[in-house]
Amino acid sequence: GCLSFPPASAQEVTKGEGISYAWIGTTLWPRGVAKMRLEYQLFGHNLQGEYAVGCSSTSSLRNCVSSGRGFITGTVENGVLHAQLKVGDECVYTLLGTVTADKLVAKITPTDCPGGSKGEWALRKG
């Protein structure tokens, strides 16, 4: 079935100020390891944001020329992160992980992505 996702900008979706988070680290896929950066805003338990692969050292995603980027929407409750990743127009992944004050670790599984691979994120506060 079709899944609907919010527009790219979290500000367009939720009125009011969220808490912004930035994470840097690596993503591990069958084809190798790559640096990545994740940025999201948290509105209560709900998060909305964006990630990019290949640019963890840049100051923001806006300045990043990446090998892949996508959008994340989901929830964080009691340190458990449950989200969906939307990559382009054709791929949806499920993300399940844990978040602490300084670490985010997650496993990613393709849910609607022909030929997609499982992966992992290992990130620290950026």
PDB file of N, CA and C in Angstrom:
ATOM      1  N   GLY A   1       0.821  -1.196   0.000  1.00  0.00           N
ATOM      2  CA  GLY A   1       0.000   0.000   0.000  1.00  0.00           C
ATOM      3  C   GLY A   1       0.848   1.236   0.000  1.00  0.00           C
ATOM      4  N   CYS A   2       0.213   2.336  -0.252  1.00  0.00           N
ATOM      5  CA  CYS A   2       0.923   3.612  -0.304  1.00  0.00           C
ATOM      6  C   CYS A   2       1.042   4.209   1.089  1.00  0.00           C
ATOM      7  N   LEU A   3       2.194   4.774   1.343  1.00  0.00           N
ATOM      8  CA  LEU A   3       2.420   5.458   2.616  1.00  0.00           C
ATOM      9  C   LEU A   3       2.583   6.937   2.326  1.00  0.00           C
ATOM     10  N   SER A   4       2.004   7.782   3.165  1.00  0.00           N
ATOM     11  CA  SER A   4       2.160   9.216   2.950  1.00  0.00           C
ATOM     12  C   SER A   4       3.204   9.771   3.907  1.00  0.00           C
ATOM     13  N   PHE A   5       3.987  10.714   3.437  1.00  0.00           N
ATOM     14  CA  PHE A   5       5.026  11.331   4.240  1.00  0.00           C
ATOM     15  C   PHE A   5       4.835  12.830   4.243  1.00  0.00           C
ATOM     16  N   PRO A   6       5.268  13.484   5.303  1.00  0.00           N
ATOM     17  CA  PRO A   6       5.133  14.937   5.357  1.00  0.00           C
ATOM     18  C   PRO A   6       6.081  15.603   4.372  1.00  0.00           C
ATOM     19  N   PRO A   7       5.854  16.867   4.079  1.00  0.00           N
ATOM     20  CA  PRO A   7       6.787  17.607   3.218  1.00  0.00           C
ATOM     21  C   PRO A   7       8.192  17.587   3.818  1.00  0.00           C
ATOM     22  N   ALA A   8       9.156  17.955   3.000  1.00  0.00           N
ATOM     23  CA  ALA A   8      10.554  17.858   3.405  1.00  0.00           C
ATOM     24  C   ALA A   8      10.871  18.684   4.649  1.00  0.00           C
ATOM     25  N   SER A   9      10.241  19.821   4.800  1.00  0.00           N
ATOM     26  CA  SER A   9      10.608  20.708   5.887  1.00  0.00           C
ATOM     27  C   SER A   9       9.733  20.464   7.109  1.00  0.00           C
ATOM     28  N   ALA A  10      10.378  20.165   8.223  1.00  0.00           N
ATOM     29  CA  ALA A  10       9.617  19.936   9.455  1.00  0.00           C
ATOM     30  C   ALA A  10       8.852  21.189   9.856  1.00  0.00           C
ATOM     31  N   GLN A  11       9.403  22.356   9.534  1.00  0.00           N
ATOM     32  CA  GLN A  11       8.731  23.605   9.903  1.00  0.00           C
ATOM     33  C   GLN A  11       7.388  23.751   9.197  1.00  0.00           C
ATOM     34  N   GLU A  12       7.273  23.169   8.015  1.00  0.00           N
ATOM     35  CA  GLU A  12       6.011  23.255   7.283  1.00  0.00           C
ATOM     36  C   GLU A  12       4.944  22.374   7.924  1.00  0.00           C
ATOM     37  N   VAL A  13       5.377  21.362   8.638  1.00  0.00           N
ATOM     38  CA  VAL A  13       4.444  20.357   9.133  1.00  0.00           C
ATOM     39  C   VAL A  13       3.931  20.705  10.526  1.00  0.00           C
ATOM     40  N   THR A  14       4.830  21.100  11.401  1.00  0.00           N
ATOM     41  CA  THR A  14       4.473  21.298  12.793  1.00  0.00           C
ATOM     42  C   THR A  14       4.664  22.753  13.176  1.00  0.00           C
ATOM     43  N   LYS A  15       3.638  23.355  13.716  1.00  0.00           N
ATOM     44  CA  LYS A  15       3.757  24.732  14.183  1.00  0.00           C
ATOM     45  C   LYS A  15       4.429  24.723  15.555  1.00  0.00           C
ATOM     46  N   GLY A  16       5.203  25.738  15.828  1.00  0.00           N
ATOM     47  CA  GLY A  16       5.893  25.780  17.107  1.00  0.00           C
ATOM     48  C   GLY A  16       7.302  25.249  16.969  1.00  0.00           C
ATOM     49  N   GLU A  17       8.096  25.477  17.995  1.00  0.00           N
ATOM     50  CA  GLU A  17       9.501  25.122  17.943  1.00  0.00           C
ATOM     51  C   GLU A  17       9.750  23.722  18.452  1.00  0.00           C
ATOM     52  N   GLY A  18      10.475  22.954  17.686  1.00  0.00           N
ATOM     53  CA  GLY A  18      10.936  21.657  18.153  1.00  0.00           C
ATOM     54  C   GLY A  18      12.350  21.793  18.682  1.00  0.00           C
ATOM     55  N   ILE A  19      12.850  20.712  19.246  1.00  0.00           N
ATOM     56  CA  ILE A  19      14.223  20.673  19.705  1.00  0.00           C
ATOM     57  C   ILE A  19      15.054  20.052  18.597  1.00  0.00           C
ATOM     58  N   SER A  20      16.107  20.735  18.174  1.00  0.00           N
ATOM     59  CA  SER A  20      16.921  20.255  17.069  1.00  0.00           C
ATOM     60  C   SER A  20      18.060  19.364  17.563  1.00  0.00           C
ATOM     61  N   TYR A  21      18.314  18.298  16.827  1.00  0.00           N
ATOM     62  CA  TYR A  21      19.399  17.370  17.135  1.00  0.00           C
ATOM     63  C   TYR A  21      20.216  17.126  15.878  1.00  0.00           C
ATOM     64  N   ALA A  22      21.511  16.974  16.053  1.00  0.00           N
ATOM     65  CA  ALA A  22      22.396  16.610  14.942  1.00  0.00           C
ATOM     66  C   ALA A  22      23.284  15.464  15.397  1.00  0.00           C
ATOM     67  N   TRP A  23      23.450  14.476  14.527  1.00  0.00           N
ATOM     68  CA  TRP A  23      24.237  13.285  14.819  1.00  0.00           C
ATOM     69  C   TRP A  23      25.195  13.033  13.671  1.00  0.00           C
ATOM     70  N   ILE A  24      26.383  12.526  13.978  1.00  0.00           N
ATOM     71  CA  ILE A  24      27.343  12.146  12.955  1.00  0.00           C
ATOM     72  C   ILE A  24      27.867  10.754  13.252  1.00  0.00           C
ATOM     73  N   GLY A  25      28.305  10.060  12.221  1.00  0.00           N
ATOM     74  CA  GLY A  25      28.836   8.720  12.442  1.00  0.00           C
ATOM     75  C   GLY A  25      28.926   7.949  11.152  1.00  0.00           C
ATOM     76  N   THR A  26      28.571   6.662  11.221  1.00  0.00           N
ATOM     77  CA  THR A  26      28.705   5.811  10.047  1.00  0.00           C
ATOM     78  C   THR A  26      27.425   5.023   9.797  1.00  0.00           C
ATOM     79  N   THR A  27      27.239   4.668   8.549  1.00  0.00           N
ATOM     80  CA  THR A  27      26.192   3.748   8.152  1.00  0.00           C
ATOM     81  C   THR A  27      26.873   2.530   7.537  1.00  0.00           C
ATOM     82  N   LEU A  28      26.410   1.375   7.917  1.00  0.00           N
ATOM     83  CA  LEU A  28      26.998   0.113   7.466  1.00  0.00           C
ATOM     84  C   LEU A  28      25.992  -0.626   6.599  1.00  0.00           C
ATOM     85  N   TRP A  29      26.388  -0.929   5.368  1.00  0.00           N
ATOM     86  CA  TRP A  29      25.556  -1.649   4.413  1.00  0.00           C
ATOM     87  C   TRP A  29      26.364  -2.792   3.847  1.00  0.00           C
ATOM     88  N   PRO A  30      25.728  -3.728   3.168  1.00  0.00           N
ATOM     89  CA  PRO A  30      26.483  -4.838   2.579  1.00  0.00           C
ATOM     90  C   PRO A  30      27.604  -4.363   1.651  1.00  0.00           C
ATOM     91  N   ARG A  31      27.411  -3.206   1.010  1.00  0.00           N
ATOM     92  CA  ARG A  31      28.443  -2.734   0.086  1.00  0.00           C
ATOM     93  C   ARG A  31      29.521  -1.890   0.774  1.00  0.00           C
ATOM     94  N   GLY A  32      29.452  -1.725   2.096  1.00  0.00           N
ATOM     95  CA  GLY A  32      30.530  -1.024   2.792  1.00  0.00           C
ATOM     96  C   GLY A  32      30.055  -0.070   3.859  1.00  0.00           C
ATOM     97  N   VAL A  33      31.010   0.699   4.362  1.00  0.00           N
ATOM     98  CA  VAL A  33      30.759   1.663   5.429  1.00  0.00           C
ATOM     99  C   VAL A  33      30.904   3.061   4.854  1.00  0.00           C
ATOM    100  N   ALA A  34      30.027   3.980   5.263  1.00  0.00           N
ATOM    101  CA  ALA A  34      30.121   5.365   4.807  1.00  0.00           C
ATOM    102  C   ALA A  34      29.841   6.304   5.968  1.00  0.00           C
ATOM    103  N   LYS A  35      30.444   7.476   5.915  1.00  0.00           N
ATOM    104  CA  LYS A  35      30.134   8.514   6.893  1.00  0.00           C
ATOM    105  C   LYS A  35      28.737   9.038   6.622  1.00  0.00           C
ATOM    106  N   MET A  36      28.094   9.529   7.675  1.00  0.00           N
ATOM    107  CA  MET A  36      26.767  10.106   7.470  1.00  0.00           C
ATOM    108  C   MET A  36      26.463  11.160   8.525  1.00  0.00           C
ATOM    109  N   ARG A  37      25.447  11.939   8.259  1.00  0.00           N
ATOM    110  CA  ARG A  37      24.962  12.957   9.189  1.00  0.00           C
ATOM    111  C   ARG A  37      23.438  12.877   9.214  1.00  0.00           C
ATOM    112  N   LEU A  38      22.875  12.987  10.419  1.00  0.00           N
ATOM    113  CA  LEU A  38      21.429  12.971  10.622  1.00  0.00           C
ATOM    114  C   LEU A  38      21.055  14.222  11.397  1.00  0.00           C
ATOM    115  N   GLU A  39      20.045  14.915  10.934  1.00  0.00           N
ATOM    116  CA  GLU A  39      19.515  16.077  11.657  1.00  0.00           C
ATOM    117  C   GLU A  39      18.002  15.918  11.751  1.00  0.00           C
ATOM    118  N   TYR A  40      17.461  16.149  12.955  1.00  0.00           N
ATOM    119  CA  TYR A  40      16.009  16.119  13.090  1.00  0.00           C
ATOM    120  C   TYR A  40      15.551  17.077  14.176  1.00  0.00           C
ATOM    121  N   GLN A  41      14.277  17.377  14.132  1.00  0.00           N
ATOM    122  CA  GLN A  41      13.637  18.153  15.183  1.00  0.00           C
ATOM    123  C   GLN A  41      12.671  17.241  15.906  1.00  0.00           C
ATOM    124  N   LEU A  42      12.642  17.373  17.214  1.00  0.00           N
ATOM    125  CA  LEU A  42      11.763  16.569  18.048  1.00  0.00           C
ATOM    126  C   LEU A  42      10.668  17.469  18.597  1.00  0.00           C
ATOM    127  N   PHE A  43       9.427  17.092  18.338  1.00  0.00           N
ATOM    128  CA  PHE A  43       8.243  17.807  18.833  1.00  0.00           C
ATOM    129  C   PHE A  43       7.541  16.852  19.788  1.00  0.00           C
ATOM    130  N   GLY A  44       7.818  16.957  21.073  1.00  0.00           N
ATOM    131  CA  GLY A  44       7.315  15.962  22.010  1.00  0.00           C
ATOM    132  C   GLY A  44       7.999  14.639  21.711  1.00  0.00           C
ATOM    133  N   HIS A  45       7.198  13.616  21.369  1.00  0.00           N
ATOM    134  CA  HIS A  45       7.774  12.321  21.006  1.00  0.00           C
ATOM    135  C   HIS A  45       7.998  12.180  19.501  1.00  0.00           C
ATOM    136  N   ASN A  46       7.483  13.127  18.709  1.00  0.00           N
ATOM    137  CA  ASN A  46       7.523  12.993  17.252  1.00  0.00           C
ATOM    138  C   ASN A  46       8.746  13.665  16.651  1.00  0.00           C
ATOM    139  N   LEU A  47       9.403  12.950  15.739  1.00  0.00           N
ATOM    140  CA  LEU A  47      10.561  13.549  15.093  1.00  0.00           C
ATOM    141  C   LEU A  47      10.376  13.595  13.597  1.00  0.00           C
ATOM    142  N   GLN A  48      10.999  14.622  12.997  1.00  0.00           N
ATOM    143  CA  GLN A  48      10.989  14.803  11.554  1.00  0.00           C
ATOM    144  C   GLN A  48      12.347  15.359  11.184  1.00  0.00           C
ATOM    145  N   GLY A  49      12.946  14.809  10.146  1.00  0.00           N
ATOM    146  CA  GLY A  49      14.251  15.316   9.773  1.00  0.00           C
ATOM    147  C   GLY A  49      14.760  14.742   8.472  1.00  0.00           C
ATOM    148  N   GLU A  50      16.086  14.840   8.329  1.00  0.00           N
ATOM    149  CA  GLU A  50      16.736  14.485   7.084  1.00  0.00           C
ATOM    150  C   GLU A  50      18.103  13.903   7.406  1.00  0.00           C
ATOM    151  N   TYR A  51      18.569  13.016   6.536  1.00  0.00           N
ATOM    152  CA  TYR A  51      19.918  12.490   6.708  1.00  0.00           C
ATOM    153  C   TYR A  51      20.626  12.508   5.366  1.00  0.00           C
ATOM    154  N   ALA A  52      21.951  12.471   5.419  1.00  0.00           N
ATOM    155  CA  ALA A  52      22.753  12.432   4.203  1.00  0.00           C
ATOM    156  C   ALA A  52      23.958  11.538   4.433  1.00  0.00           C
ATOM    157  N   VAL A  53      24.270  10.734   3.449  1.00  0.00           N
ATOM    158  CA  VAL A  53      25.414   9.833   3.518  1.00  0.00           C
ATOM    159  C   VAL A  53      26.587  10.479   2.789  1.00  0.00           C
ATOM    160  N   GLY A  54      27.755  10.432   3.424  1.00  0.00           N
ATOM    161  CA  GLY A  54      28.964  10.924   2.781  1.00  0.00           C
ATOM    162  C   GLY A  54      29.401  12.301   3.229  1.00  0.00           C
ATOM    163  N   CYS A  55      28.819  12.837   4.318  1.00  0.00           N
ATOM    164  CA  CYS A  55      29.156  14.219   4.676  1.00  0.00           C
ATOM    165  C   CYS A  55      29.067  14.505   6.167  1.00  0.00           C
ATOM    166  N   SER A  56      29.604  13.625   7.003  1.00  0.00           N
ATOM    167  CA  SER A  56      29.446  13.821   8.440  1.00  0.00           C
ATOM    168  C   SER A  56      30.237  15.012   8.975  1.00  0.00           C
ATOM    169  N   SER A  57      31.240  15.472   8.234  1.00  0.00           N
ATOM    170  CA  SER A  57      32.089  16.526   8.787  1.00  0.00           C
ATOM    171  C   SER A  57      31.602  17.932   8.456  1.00  0.00           C
ATOM    172  N   THR A  58      30.573  18.045   7.627  1.00  0.00           N
ATOM    173  CA  THR A  58      30.102  19.381   7.270  1.00  0.00           C
ATOM    174  C   THR A  58      29.275  19.981   8.405  1.00  0.00           C
ATOM    175  N   SER A  59      29.138  21.289   8.373  1.00  0.00           N
ATOM    176  CA  SER A  59      28.447  21.969   9.463  1.00  0.00           C
ATOM    177  C   SER A  59      26.940  21.778   9.410  1.00  0.00           C
ATOM    178  N   SER A  60      26.391  21.519   8.252  1.00  0.00           N
ATOM    179  CA  SER A  60      24.952  21.291   8.154  1.00  0.00           C
ATOM    180  C   SER A  60      24.645  20.509   6.886  1.00  0.00           C
ATOM    181  N   LEU A  61      23.441  19.972   6.831  1.00  0.00           N
ATOM    182  CA  LEU A  61      23.044  19.210   5.644  1.00  0.00           C
ATOM    183  C   LEU A  61      22.926  20.108   4.419  1.00  0.00           C
ATOM    184  N   ARG A  62      22.611  21.385   4.624  1.00  0.00           N
ATOM    185  CA  ARG A  62      22.459  22.307   3.493  1.00  0.00           C
ATOM    186  C   ARG A  62      23.745  22.404   2.676  1.00  0.00           C
ATOM    187  N   ASN A  63      24.894  22.314   3.362  1.00  0.00           N
ATOM    188  CA  ASN A  63      26.182  22.481   2.691  1.00  0.00           C
ATOM    189  C   ASN A  63      26.753  21.166   2.182  1.00  0.00           C
ATOM    190  N   CYS A  64      25.987  20.114   2.263  1.00  0.00           N
ATOM    191  CA  CYS A  64      26.513  18.782   2.003  1.00  0.00           C
ATOM    192  C   CYS A  64      26.213  18.324   0.586  1.00  0.00           C
ATOM    193  N   VAL A  65      27.252  17.905  -0.112  1.00  0.00           N
ATOM    194  CA  VAL A  65      27.052  17.204  -1.368  1.00  0.00           C
ATOM    195  C   VAL A  65      27.209  15.727  -1.035  1.00  0.00           C
ATOM    196  N   SER A  66      26.122  14.990  -1.096  1.00  0.00           N
ATOM    197  CA  SER A  66      26.140  13.633  -0.556  1.00  0.00           C
ATOM    198  C   SER A  66      25.923  12.594  -1.638  1.00  0.00           C
ATOM    199  N   SER A  67      26.257  11.355  -1.283  1.00  0.00           N
ATOM    200  CA  SER A  67      26.020  10.239  -2.189  1.00  0.00           C
ATOM    201  C   SER A  67      24.615   9.677  -2.017  1.00  0.00           C
ATOM    202  N   GLY A  68      23.897  10.126  -1.011  1.00  0.00           N
ATOM    203  CA  GLY A  68      22.528   9.682  -0.802  1.00  0.00           C
ATOM    204  C   GLY A  68      21.906  10.418   0.352  1.00  0.00           C
ATOM    205  N   ARG A  69      20.665  10.826   0.186  1.00  0.00           N
ATOM    206  CA  ARG A  69      19.986  11.481   1.294  1.00  0.00           C
ATOM    207  C   ARG A  69      18.528  11.080   1.309  1.00  0.00           C
ATOM    208  N   GLY A  70      17.910  11.279   2.456  1.00  0.00           N
ATOM    209  CA  GLY A  70      16.515  10.906   2.571  1.00  0.00           C
ATOM    210  C   GLY A  70      15.895  11.578   3.779  1.00  0.00           C
ATOM    211  N   PHE A  71      14.640  11.264   4.022  1.00  0.00           N
ATOM    212  CA  PHE A  71      13.881  11.884   5.097  1.00  0.00           C
ATOM    213  C   PHE A  71      13.504  10.852   6.146  1.00  0.00           C
ATOM    214  N   ILE A  72      13.432  11.306   7.388  1.00  0.00           N
ATOM    215  CA  ILE A  72      13.079  10.423   8.494  1.00  0.00           C
ATOM    216  C   ILE A  72      11.882  11.010   9.232  1.00  0.00           C
ATOM    217  N   THR A  73      10.903  10.174   9.537  1.00  0.00           N
ATOM    218  CA  THR A  73       9.767  10.561  10.377  1.00  0.00           C
ATOM    219  C   THR A  73       9.529   9.427  11.357  1.00  0.00           C
ATOM    220  N   GLY A  74       9.209   9.763  12.601  1.00  0.00           N
ATOM    221  CA  GLY A  74       8.972   8.708  13.573  1.00  0.00           C
ATOM    222  C   GLY A  74       8.784   9.230  14.968  1.00  0.00           C
ATOM    223  N   THR A  75       9.070   8.365  15.934  1.00  0.00           N
ATOM    224  CA  THR A  75       8.876   8.711  17.339  1.00  0.00           C
ATOM    225  C   THR A  75      10.085   8.270  18.160  1.00  0.00           C
ATOM    226  N   VAL A  76      10.286   8.987  19.271  1.00  0.00           N
ATOM    227  CA  VAL A  76      11.257   8.580  20.283  1.00  0.00           C
ATOM    228  C   VAL A  76      10.518   8.534  21.608  1.00  0.00           C
ATOM    229  N   GLU A  77      10.481   7.370  22.222  1.00  0.00           N
ATOM    230  CA  GLU A  77       9.844   7.222  23.531  1.00  0.00           C
ATOM    231  C   GLU A  77      10.703   6.337  24.406  1.00  0.00           C
ATOM    232  N   ASN A  78      11.046   6.851  25.593  1.00  0.00           N
ATOM    233  CA  ASN A  78      11.866   6.098  26.552  1.00  0.00           C
ATOM    234  C   ASN A  78      13.142   5.570  25.912  1.00  0.00           C
ATOM    235  N   GLY A  79      13.756   6.387  25.067  1.00  0.00           N
ATOM    236  CA  GLY A  79      15.016   6.002  24.455  1.00  0.00           C
ATOM    237  C   GLY A  79      14.909   5.078  23.265  1.00  0.00           C
ATOM    238  N   VAL A  80      13.675   4.723  22.864  1.00  0.00           N
ATOM    239  CA  VAL A  80      13.486   3.848  21.705  1.00  0.00           C
ATOM    240  C   VAL A  80      13.063   4.698  20.509  1.00  0.00           C
ATOM    241  N   LEU A  81      13.821   4.564  19.436  1.00  0.00           N
ATOM    242  CA  LEU A  81      13.545   5.295  18.206  1.00  0.00           C
ATOM    243  C   LEU A  81      12.897   4.340  17.209  1.00  0.00           C
ATOM    244  N   HIS A  82      11.702   4.715  16.743  1.00  0.00           N
ATOM    245  CA  HIS A  82      11.003   3.926  15.728  1.00  0.00           C
ATOM    246  C   HIS A  82      10.614   4.876  14.617  1.00  0.00           C
ATOM    247  N   ALA A  83      11.112   4.621  13.407  1.00  0.00           N
ATOM    248  CA  ALA A  83      10.895   5.604  12.347  1.00  0.00           C
ATOM    249  C   ALA A  83      10.841   4.937  10.984  1.00  0.00           C
ATOM    250  N   GLN A  84      10.450   5.740  10.004  1.00  0.00           N
ATOM    251  CA  GLN A  84      10.503   5.332   8.615  1.00  0.00           C
ATOM    252  C   GLN A  84      11.456   6.263   7.889  1.00  0.00           C
ATOM    253  N   LEU A  85      12.215   5.686   6.974  1.00  0.00           N
ATOM    254  CA  LEU A  85      13.097   6.457   6.110  1.00  0.00           C
ATOM    255  C   LEU A  85      12.515   6.434   4.720  1.00  0.00           C
ATOM    256  N   LYS A  86      12.463   7.598   4.092  1.00  0.00           N
ATOM    257  CA  LYS A  86      12.005   7.670   2.708  1.00  0.00           C
ATOM    258  C   LYS A  86      13.179   8.126   1.864  1.00  0.00           C
ATOM    259  N   VAL A  87      13.544   7.282   0.910  1.00  0.00           N
ATOM    260  CA  VAL A  87      14.689   7.552   0.043  1.00  0.00           C
ATOM    261  C   VAL A  87      14.161   7.725  -1.369  1.00  0.00           C
ATOM    262  N   GLY A  88      14.261   8.908  -1.897  1.00  0.00           N
ATOM    263  CA  GLY A  88      13.738   9.158  -3.239  1.00  0.00           C
ATOM    264  C   GLY A  88      12.237   8.923  -3.283  1.00  0.00           C
ATOM    265  N   ASP A  89      11.747   8.555  -4.441  1.00  0.00           N
ATOM    266  CA  ASP A  89      10.309   8.320  -4.595  1.00  0.00           C
ATOM    267  C   ASP A  89       9.946   6.851  -4.463  1.00  0.00           C
ATOM    268  N   GLU A  90      10.960   5.983  -4.388  1.00  0.00           N
ATOM    269  CA  GLU A  90      10.662   4.563  -4.535  1.00  0.00           C
ATOM    270  C   GLU A  90      10.982   3.710  -3.323  1.00  0.00           C
ATOM    271  N   CYS A  91      11.741   4.241  -2.351  1.00  0.00           N
ATOM    272  CA  CYS A  91      12.205   3.364  -1.274  1.00  0.00           C
ATOM    273  C   CYS A  91      11.731   3.831   0.102  1.00  0.00           C
ATOM    274  N   VAL A  92      11.213   2.863   0.867  1.00  0.00           N
ATOM    275  CA  VAL A  92      10.839   3.107   2.255  1.00  0.00           C
ATOM    276  C   VAL A  92      11.528   2.049   3.116  1.00  0.00           C
ATOM    277  N   TYR A  93      12.153   2.501   4.193  1.00  0.00           N
ATOM    278  CA  TYR A  93      12.812   1.613   5.138  1.00  0.00           C
ATOM    279  C   TYR A  93      12.208   1.818   6.523  1.00  0.00           C
ATOM    280  N   THR A  94      12.230   0.779   7.334  1.00  0.00           N
ATOM    281  CA  THR A  94      11.865   0.879   8.746  1.00  0.00           C
ATOM    282  C   THR A  94      13.148   0.945   9.558  1.00  0.00           C
ATOM    283  N   LEU A  95      13.183   1.867  10.509  1.00  0.00           N
ATOM    284  CA  LEU A  95      14.342   2.040  11.375  1.00  0.00           C
ATOM    285  C   LEU A  95      13.915   1.781  12.809  1.00  0.00           C
ATOM    286  N   LEU A  96      14.683   0.964  13.525  1.00  0.00           N
ATOM    287  CA  LEU A  96      14.429   0.692  14.931  1.00  0.00           C
ATOM    288  C   LEU A  96      15.749   0.810  15.669  1.00  0.00           C
ATOM    289  N   GLY A  97      15.778   1.662  16.683  1.00  0.00           N
ATOM    290  CA  GLY A  97      17.037   1.881  17.377  1.00  0.00           C
ATOM    291  C   GLY A  97      16.861   2.426  18.774  1.00  0.00           C
ATOM    292  N   THR A  98      17.994   2.805  19.359  1.00  0.00           N
ATOM    293  CA  THR A  98      17.999   3.384  20.697  1.00  0.00           C
ATOM    294  C   THR A  98      18.744   4.706  20.658  1.00  0.00           C
ATOM    295  N   VAL A  99      18.289   5.625  21.500  1.00  0.00           N
ATOM    296  CA  VAL A  99      18.890   6.953  21.590  1.00  0.00           C
ATOM    297  C   VAL A  99      19.226   7.228  23.052  1.00  0.00           C
ATOM    298  N   THR A 100      20.467   7.646  23.305  1.00  0.00           N
ATOM    299  CA  THR A 100      20.856   8.114  24.633  1.00  0.00           C
ATOM    300  C   THR A 100      21.271   9.576  24.484  1.00  0.00           C
ATOM    301  N   ALA A 101      21.813  10.153  25.537  1.00  0.00           N
ATOM    302  CA  ALA A 101      22.207  11.561  25.488  1.00  0.00           C
ATOM    303  C   ALA A 101      23.263  11.815  24.413  1.00  0.00           C
ATOM    304  N   ASP A 102      24.102  10.832  24.145  1.00  0.00           N
ATOM    305  CA  ASP A 102      25.206  11.082  23.209  1.00  0.00           C
ATOM    306  C   ASP A 102      25.388  10.010  22.145  1.00  0.00           C
ATOM    307  N   LYS A 103      24.451   9.062  22.036  1.00  0.00           N
ATOM    308  CA  LYS A 103      24.622   7.968  21.081  1.00  0.00           C
ATOM    309  C   LYS A 103      23.287   7.571  20.468  1.00  0.00           C
ATOM    310  N   LEU A 104      23.326   7.244  19.176  1.00  0.00           N
ATOM    311  CA  LEU A 104      22.148   6.748  18.481  1.00  0.00           C
ATOM    312  C   LEU A 104      22.595   5.537  17.663  1.00  0.00           C
ATOM    313  N   VAL A 105      21.975   4.391  17.927  1.00  0.00           N
ATOM    314  CA  VAL A 105      22.295   3.153  17.218  1.00  0.00           C
ATOM    315  C   VAL A 105      20.987   2.594  16.663  1.00  0.00           C
ATOM    316  N   ALA A 106      21.006   2.184  15.398  1.00  0.00           N
ATOM    317  CA  ALA A 106      19.755   1.722  14.792  1.00  0.00           C
ATOM    318  C   ALA A 106      20.012   0.672  13.727  1.00  0.00           C
ATOM    319  N   LYS A 107      19.007  -0.179  13.538  1.00  0.00           N
ATOM    320  CA  LYS A 107      18.998  -1.148  12.447  1.00  0.00           C
ATOM    321  C   LYS A 107      17.927  -0.708  11.450  1.00  0.00           C
ATOM    322  N   ILE A 108      18.247  -0.871  10.167  1.00  0.00           N
ATOM    323  CA  ILE A 108      17.369  -0.421   9.096  1.00  0.00           C
ATOM    324  C   ILE A 108      16.997  -1.606   8.226  1.00  0.00           C
ATOM    325  N   THR A 109      15.699  -1.727   7.936  1.00  0.00           N
ATOM    326  CA  THR A 109      15.198  -2.840   7.137  1.00  0.00           C
ATOM    327  C   THR A 109      14.334  -2.292   6.007  1.00  0.00           C
ATOM    328  N   PRO A 110      14.558  -2.737   4.762  1.00  0.00           N
ATOM    329  CA  PRO A 110      13.686  -2.277   3.672  1.00  0.00           C
ATOM    330  C   PRO A 110      12.274  -2.829   3.846  1.00  0.00           C
ATOM    331  N   THR A 111      11.272  -1.946   3.774  1.00  0.00           N
ATOM    332  CA  THR A 111       9.885  -2.392   3.881  1.00  0.00           C
ATOM    333  C   THR A 111       9.171  -2.251   2.545  1.00  0.00           C
ATOM    334  N   ASP A 112       9.566  -1.266   1.749  1.00  0.00           N
ATOM    335  CA  ASP A 112       8.986  -1.085   0.423  1.00  0.00           C
ATOM    336  C   ASP A 112      10.079  -0.530  -0.471  1.00  0.00           C
ATOM    337  N   CYS A 113      11.046  -1.389  -0.784  1.00  0.00           N
ATOM    338  CA  CYS A 113      12.211  -0.931  -1.537  1.00  0.00           C
ATOM    339  C   CYS A 113      12.783  -2.107  -2.313  1.00  0.00           C
ATOM    340  N   PRO A 114      12.361  -2.285  -3.568  1.00  0.00           N
ATOM    341  CA  PRO A 114      12.867  -3.408  -4.362  1.00  0.00           C
ATOM    342  C   PRO A 114      14.395  -3.389  -4.429  1.00  0.00           C
ATOM    343  N   GLY A 115      15.011  -4.483  -4.041  1.00  0.00           N
ATOM    344  CA  GLY A 115      16.462  -4.573  -4.083  1.00  0.00           C
ATOM    345  C   GLY A 115      17.169  -3.899  -2.928  1.00  0.00           C
ATOM    346  N   GLY A 116      16.416  -3.376  -1.958  1.00  0.00           N
ATOM    347  CA  GLY A 116      17.023  -2.686  -0.823  1.00  0.00           C
ATOM    348  C   GLY A 116      17.724  -3.653   0.114  1.00  0.00           C
ATOM    349  N   SER A 117      18.712  -3.148   0.837  1.00  0.00           N
ATOM    350  CA  SER A 117      19.484  -3.977   1.762  1.00  0.00           C
ATOM    351  C   SER A 117      19.290  -3.514   3.193  1.00  0.00           C
ATOM    352  N   LYS A 118      19.467  -4.435   4.124  1.00  0.00           N
ATOM    353  CA  LYS A 118      19.469  -4.072   5.534  1.00  0.00           C
ATOM    354  C   LYS A 118      20.735  -3.284   5.839  1.00  0.00           C
ATOM    355  N   GLY A 119      20.657  -2.443   6.865  1.00  0.00           N
ATOM    356  CA  GLY A 119      21.817  -1.650   7.239  1.00  0.00           C
ATOM    357  C   GLY A 119      21.789  -1.298   8.718  1.00  0.00           C
ATOM    358  N   GLU A 120      22.826  -0.592   9.150  1.00  0.00           N
ATOM    359  CA  GLU A 120      22.923  -0.147  10.541  1.00  0.00           C
ATOM    360  C   GLU A 120      23.480   1.271  10.592  1.00  0.00           C
ATOM    361  N   TRP A 121      23.065   2.026  11.591  1.00  0.00           N
ATOM    362  CA  TRP A 121      23.627   3.338  11.872  1.00  0.00           C
ATOM    363  C   TRP A 121      24.317   3.300  13.225  1.00  0.00           C
ATOM    364  N   ALA A 122      25.469   3.917  13.312  1.00  0.00           N
ATOM    365  CA  ALA A 122      26.164   4.104  14.588  1.00  0.00           C
ATOM    366  C   ALA A 122      26.588   5.564  14.636  1.00  0.00           C
ATOM    367  N   LEU A 123      25.854   6.351  15.454  1.00  0.00           N
ATOM    368  CA  LEU A 123      26.037   7.807  15.435  1.00  0.00           C
ATOM    369  C   LEU A 123      26.320   8.342  16.836  1.00  0.00           C
ATOM    370  N   ARG A 124      26.961   9.509  16.863  1.00  0.00           N
ATOM    371  CA  ARG A 124      27.187  10.241  18.107  1.00  0.00           C
ATOM    372  C   ARG A 124      26.733  11.676  17.914  1.00  0.00           C
ATOM    373  N   LYS A 125      26.523  12.384  19.015  1.00  0.00           N
ATOM    374  CA  LYS A 125      26.088  13.783  18.931  1.00  0.00           C
ATOM    375  C   LYS A 125      27.027  14.587  18.047  1.00  0.00           C
ATOM    376  N   GLY A 126      26.460  15.328  17.099  1.00  0.00           N
ATOM    377  CA  GLY A 126      27.267  16.105  16.166  1.00  0.00           C
ATOM    378  C   GLY A 126      27.477  17.521  16.626  1.00  0.00           C
TER     379      GLY A 126
END
